[in-house]
Amino acid sequence: MERVTFSTPTLYADHHVLKVRQVLLALDGVKDVIASSMYRDVTVDYDPSKISAEAIQQAIEAAGYPIGVEPDFSDLVPAHDDSSPWYTYIRRVTQTIQADLEMSGDFRKY
């Protein structure tokens, strides 16, 4: 059993993870797939007598996830600051009222 990890920068959502796992687990010789949208990588445990790391890489790329290629977001329209709440950071200040503390009793003690 061998293990290989591929950097997949376009793997950024859970449905991408599910697709990659589905594609790879269907291959003969692939034993386990750990795909992470957080780390944007895919780790595969496989039997080298049945499948090669190159074949696994080709399957990932055929599924639409190029290895090591950053996504191109150059065609996105840049956001503009319109002073709406979506673009404004407001500091939130909270205050504990003494009467609330006195009424809460043991519920606030963990």
Protein backbone atom coordinates (compact mmCIF):
# COMPACT_ATOMS: atom_id res chain seq x y z
CA MET A 1 0.00 0.00 0.00
CA GLU A 2 1.29 3.44 -0.92
CA ARG A 3 0.07 6.94 -0.22
CA VAL A 4 0.23 9.99 -2.46
CA THR A 5 -0.99 13.56 -1.92
CA PHE A 6 -2.00 15.98 -4.67
CA SER A 7 -2.40 19.74 -4.35
CA THR A 8 -5.79 20.67 -5.84
CA PRO A 9 -6.32 24.45 -5.47
CA THR A 10 -9.71 24.36 -7.23
CA LEU A 11 -11.10 21.94 -4.64
CA TYR A 12 -12.77 24.59 -2.50
CA ALA A 13 -16.23 23.24 -1.62
CA ASP A 14 -17.75 20.11 -0.13
CA HIS A 15 -19.44 19.06 -3.37
CA HIS A 16 -16.00 19.06 -5.02
CA VAL A 17 -14.73 16.75 -2.28
CA LEU A 18 -17.65 14.38 -2.83
CA LYS A 19 -17.06 14.29 -6.59
CA VAL A 20 -13.33 13.58 -6.26
CA ARG A 21 -13.97 10.83 -3.71
CA GLN A 22 -16.63 9.27 -5.94
CA VAL A 23 -14.35 9.29 -8.99
CA LEU A 24 -11.30 7.92 -7.19
CA LEU A 25 -13.03 5.26 -5.12
CA ALA A 26 -14.45 3.82 -8.35
CA LEU A 27 -10.90 3.09 -9.57
CA ASP A 28 -9.56 -0.43 -9.08
CA GLY A 29 -6.66 -0.31 -6.64
CA VAL A 30 -7.72 2.81 -4.74
CA LYS A 31 -8.29 1.86 -1.11
CA ASP A 32 -9.00 5.20 0.60
CA VAL A 33 -9.37 8.86 -0.35
CA ILE A 34 -9.02 11.80 2.01
CA ALA A 35 -10.01 14.99 0.21
CA SER A 36 -10.03 18.35 1.97
CA SER A 37 -11.65 21.55 0.76
CA MET A 38 -9.99 23.35 3.66
CA TYR A 39 -6.44 22.32 2.74
CA ARG A 40 -7.30 21.88 -0.95
CA ASP A 41 -5.55 18.59 -1.31
CA VAL A 42 -6.34 14.95 -1.99
CA THR A 43 -4.53 12.08 -0.27
CA VAL A 44 -4.97 8.63 -1.77
CA ASP A 45 -4.02 5.21 -0.39
CA TYR A 46 -3.61 2.81 -3.29
CA ASP A 47 -2.21 -0.54 -4.37
CA PRO A 48 0.69 0.19 -6.78
CA SER A 49 0.33 -3.25 -8.38
CA LYS A 50 -3.13 -2.25 -9.64
CA ILE A 51 -2.90 1.50 -10.31
CA SER A 52 -0.20 4.15 -10.58
CA ALA A 53 -0.01 7.59 -9.02
CA GLU A 54 -0.02 9.03 -12.55
CA ALA A 55 -3.34 7.30 -13.33
CA ILE A 56 -4.82 8.70 -10.12
CA GLN A 57 -3.62 12.19 -11.06
CA GLN A 58 -5.15 11.82 -14.53
CA ALA A 59 -8.48 10.78 -12.97
CA ILE A 60 -8.49 13.84 -10.70
CA GLU A 61 -7.70 16.13 -13.63
CA ALA A 62 -10.32 14.42 -15.84
CA ALA A 63 -12.88 15.14 -13.10
CA GLY A 64 -12.10 18.85 -13.53
CA TYR A 65 -9.56 19.50 -10.77
CA PRO A 66 -6.13 20.33 -12.22
CA ILE A 67 -3.23 19.48 -9.96
CA GLY A 68 -1.34 22.50 -8.62
CA VAL A 69 -3.12 25.06 -10.83
CA GLU A 70 -4.58 28.06 -9.01
CA PRO A 71 -8.09 29.10 -10.12
CA ASP A 72 -8.36 32.16 -12.35
CA PHE A 73 -10.62 34.80 -10.82
CA SER A 74 -9.48 37.61 -13.11
CA ASP A 75 -12.88 37.85 -14.81
CA LEU A 76 -14.72 38.69 -11.58
CA VAL A 77 -16.10 42.20 -11.28
CA PRO A 78 -14.40 43.96 -8.37
CA ALA A 79 -16.62 44.97 -5.49
CA HIS A 80 -17.22 48.63 -4.84
CA ASP A 81 -17.66 50.25 -1.47
CA ASP A 82 -21.17 51.67 -1.33
CA SER A 83 -21.05 52.30 2.45
CA SER A 84 -23.73 49.68 3.01
CA PRO A 85 -23.60 47.43 6.09
CA TRP A 86 -22.02 44.71 3.91
CA TYR A 87 -18.93 46.86 3.49
CA THR A 88 -18.91 48.61 6.84
CA TYR A 89 -17.26 47.11 9.88
CA ILE A 90 -19.01 48.18 13.04
CA ARG A 91 -17.64 47.32 16.45
CA ARG A 92 -20.25 45.55 18.51
CA VAL A 93 -20.26 46.33 22.19
CA THR A 94 -22.20 44.23 24.65
CA GLN A 95 -22.89 44.93 28.26
CA THR A 96 -23.91 42.51 30.97
CA ILE A 97 -26.69 43.84 33.15
CA GLN A 98 -26.23 43.08 36.84
CA ALA A 99 -29.90 42.08 37.27
CA ASP A 100 -29.47 39.42 34.58
CA LEU A 101 -26.44 38.01 36.38
CA GLU A 102 -28.34 37.82 39.66
CA MET A 103 -31.34 36.08 38.03
CA SER A 104 -29.27 33.55 36.11
CA GLY A 105 -28.04 31.80 39.24
CA ASP A 106 -26.45 28.41 38.65
CA PHE A 107 -27.16 28.44 34.92
CA ARG A 108 -24.09 30.59 34.33
CA LYS A 109 -21.83 28.32 36.37
CA TYR A 110 -20.46 25.46 34.29
